[in-house]
Amino acid sequence: MLYSEKTPASLDEIRARVARALHRHPLCREVRFEIVSTPRTRKGGNWTISIQAVAPDALWEASEIVSDIQEAYELAVVAESRAA
């Protein structure tokens, strides 16, 4: 069993963190993206980002920002509510 030191976060929290981080970089303010949940892997990843619009001069910076956030956060497991 792998121990993950990533911080659990909801899709909305991850989306907000990515948006804020990209907005702080002058070249990345116009980047358009989508957060997508994925099946958990052996490395623990369970979400990814789909960059839908990025200027060529911002690609490197946007990729680095996203990579840093992916290393820090994992998608929180949400308890399912069951009808009684």
C-alpha atoms as a PDB file:
ATOM      1  CA  MET A   1       0.000   0.000   0.000  1.00  0.00           C
ATOM      2  CA  LEU A   2       1.341   3.397  -0.970  1.00  0.00           C
ATOM      3  CA  TYR A   3       1.185   6.235   1.507  1.00  0.00           C
ATOM      4  CA  SER A   4       0.239   9.473  -0.174  1.00  0.00           C
ATOM      5  CA  GLU A   5       1.448  12.735   1.264  1.00  0.00           C
ATOM      6  CA  LYS A   6      -0.808  14.658  -1.062  1.00  0.00           C
ATOM      7  CA  THR A   7      -3.502  16.860   0.398  1.00  0.00           C
ATOM      8  CA  PRO A   8      -7.047  15.682  -0.345  1.00  0.00           C
ATOM      9  CA  ALA A   9      -9.150  18.259  -2.186  1.00  0.00           C
ATOM     10  CA  SER A  10     -12.441  18.332  -4.068  1.00  0.00           C
ATOM     11  CA  LEU A  11     -12.583  18.941  -7.823  1.00  0.00           C
ATOM     12  CA  ASP A  12     -13.812  22.470  -7.088  1.00  0.00           C
ATOM     13  CA  GLU A  13     -10.893  23.127  -4.710  1.00  0.00           C
ATOM     14  CA  ILE A  14      -8.354  21.814  -7.229  1.00  0.00           C
ATOM     15  CA  ARG A  15      -9.967  23.849 -10.011  1.00  0.00           C
ATOM     16  CA  ALA A  16      -9.778  27.001  -7.880  1.00  0.00           C
ATOM     17  CA  ARG A  17      -6.133  26.384  -6.927  1.00  0.00           C
ATOM     18  CA  VAL A  18      -5.132  25.831 -10.552  1.00  0.00           C
ATOM     19  CA  ALA A  19      -7.020  28.945 -11.662  1.00  0.00           C
ATOM     20  CA  ARG A  20      -5.386  31.105  -8.973  1.00  0.00           C
ATOM     21  CA  ALA A  21      -1.915  29.746  -9.698  1.00  0.00           C
ATOM     22  CA  LEU A  22      -2.250  30.299 -13.437  1.00  0.00           C
ATOM     23  CA  HIS A  23      -3.681  33.776 -12.941  1.00  0.00           C
ATOM     24  CA  ARG A  24      -0.646  34.793 -10.837  1.00  0.00           C
ATOM     25  CA  HIS A  25       1.666  34.213 -13.821  1.00  0.00           C
ATOM     26  CA  PRO A  26       1.387  37.000 -16.425  1.00  0.00           C
ATOM     27  CA  LEU A  27       1.762  34.624 -19.391  1.00  0.00           C
ATOM     28  CA  CYS A  28      -0.801  32.129 -18.054  1.00  0.00           C
ATOM     29  CA  ARG A  29      -3.743  34.393 -17.276  1.00  0.00           C
ATOM     30  CA  GLU A  30      -5.609  33.413 -20.450  1.00  0.00           C
ATOM     31  CA  VAL A  31      -5.082  29.642 -20.099  1.00  0.00           C
ATOM     32  CA  ARG A  32      -8.352  27.698 -20.315  1.00  0.00           C
ATOM     33  CA  PHE A  33      -8.450  24.287 -18.654  1.00  0.00           C
ATOM     34  CA  GLU A  34     -10.659  21.553 -17.275  1.00  0.00           C
ATOM     35  CA  ILE A  35      -9.992  19.292 -14.282  1.00  0.00           C
ATOM     36  CA  VAL A  36     -10.876  15.658 -14.962  1.00  0.00           C
ATOM     37  CA  SER A  37     -11.085  12.856 -12.416  1.00  0.00           C
ATOM     38  CA  THR A  38      -9.340   9.654 -13.477  1.00  0.00           C
ATOM     39  CA  PRO A  39      -8.984   6.166 -12.003  1.00  0.00           C
ATOM     40  CA  ARG A  40      -6.388   5.963  -9.235  1.00  0.00           C
ATOM     41  CA  THR A  41      -2.990   4.723 -10.392  1.00  0.00           C
ATOM     42  CA  ARG A  42      -0.163   2.978  -8.547  1.00  0.00           C
ATOM     43  CA  LYS A  43       1.454   6.391  -8.221  1.00  0.00           C
ATOM     44  CA  GLY A  44      -1.702   7.682  -6.553  1.00  0.00           C
ATOM     45  CA  GLY A  45      -2.877  10.074  -9.262  1.00  0.00           C
ATOM     46  CA  ASN A  46      -6.609  10.394  -9.590  1.00  0.00           C
ATOM     47  CA  TRP A  47      -7.119  13.593 -11.538  1.00  0.00           C
ATOM     48  CA  THR A  48      -5.588  15.333 -14.500  1.00  0.00           C
ATOM     49  CA  ILE A  49      -5.909  18.617 -16.295  1.00  0.00           C
ATOM     50  CA  SER A  50      -6.940  19.188 -19.863  1.00  0.00           C
ATOM     51  CA  ILE A  51      -5.511  22.457 -21.173  1.00  0.00           C
ATOM     52  CA  GLN A  52      -7.906  23.718 -23.816  1.00  0.00           C
ATOM     53  CA  ALA A  53      -6.330  27.044 -24.704  1.00  0.00           C
ATOM     54  CA  VAL A  54      -2.803  28.237 -24.056  1.00  0.00           C
ATOM     55  CA  ALA A  55      -0.538  30.661 -25.873  1.00  0.00           C
ATOM     56  CA  PRO A  56       2.675  29.049 -27.167  1.00  0.00           C
ATOM     57  CA  ASP A  57       4.840  31.293 -24.962  1.00  0.00           C
ATOM     58  CA  ALA A  58       2.868  30.205 -21.860  1.00  0.00           C
ATOM     59  CA  LEU A  59       2.932  26.443 -22.435  1.00  0.00           C
ATOM     60  CA  TRP A  60       6.073  25.719 -20.388  1.00  0.00           C
ATOM     61  CA  GLU A  61       4.997  27.854 -17.440  1.00  0.00           C
ATOM     62  CA  ALA A  62       1.440  26.476 -17.430  1.00  0.00           C
ATOM     63  CA  SER A  63       2.754  22.907 -17.521  1.00  0.00           C
ATOM     64  CA  GLU A  64       5.087  23.570 -14.581  1.00  0.00           C
ATOM     65  CA  ILE A  65       2.324  25.172 -12.521  1.00  0.00           C
ATOM     66  CA  VAL A  66      -0.042  22.259 -13.178  1.00  0.00           C
ATOM     67  CA  SER A  67       2.679  19.719 -12.411  1.00  0.00           C
ATOM     68  CA  ASP A  68       3.390  21.328  -9.037  1.00  0.00           C
ATOM     69  CA  ILE A  69      -0.290  21.261  -8.107  1.00  0.00           C
ATOM     70  CA  GLN A  70      -0.656  17.642  -9.251  1.00  0.00           C
ATOM     71  CA  GLU A  71       2.205  16.675  -6.940  1.00  0.00           C
ATOM     72  CA  ALA A  72       0.520  18.387  -3.989  1.00  0.00           C
ATOM     73  CA  TYR A  73      -3.150  17.371  -4.241  1.00  0.00           C
ATOM     74  CA  GLU A  74      -5.234  14.266  -4.717  1.00  0.00           C
ATOM     75  CA  LEU A  75      -8.932  14.101  -5.345  1.00  0.00           C
ATOM     76  CA  ALA A  76     -10.723  13.608  -2.035  1.00  0.00           C
ATOM     77  CA  VAL A  77     -12.887  10.531  -1.740  1.00  0.00           C
ATOM     78  CA  VAL A  78     -16.442  11.674  -1.240  1.00  0.00           C
ATOM     79  CA  ALA A  79     -18.629   9.462   0.886  1.00  0.00           C
ATOM     80  CA  GLU A  80     -21.705   8.349  -0.995  1.00  0.00           C
ATOM     81  CA  SER A  81     -25.005   9.007   0.715  1.00  0.00           C
ATOM     82  CA  ARG A  82     -27.427   6.110   0.651  1.00  0.00           C
ATOM     83  CA  ALA A  83     -31.179   6.440   0.785  1.00  0.00           C
ATOM     84  CA  ALA A  84     -32.584   4.644   3.814  1.00  0.00           C
END
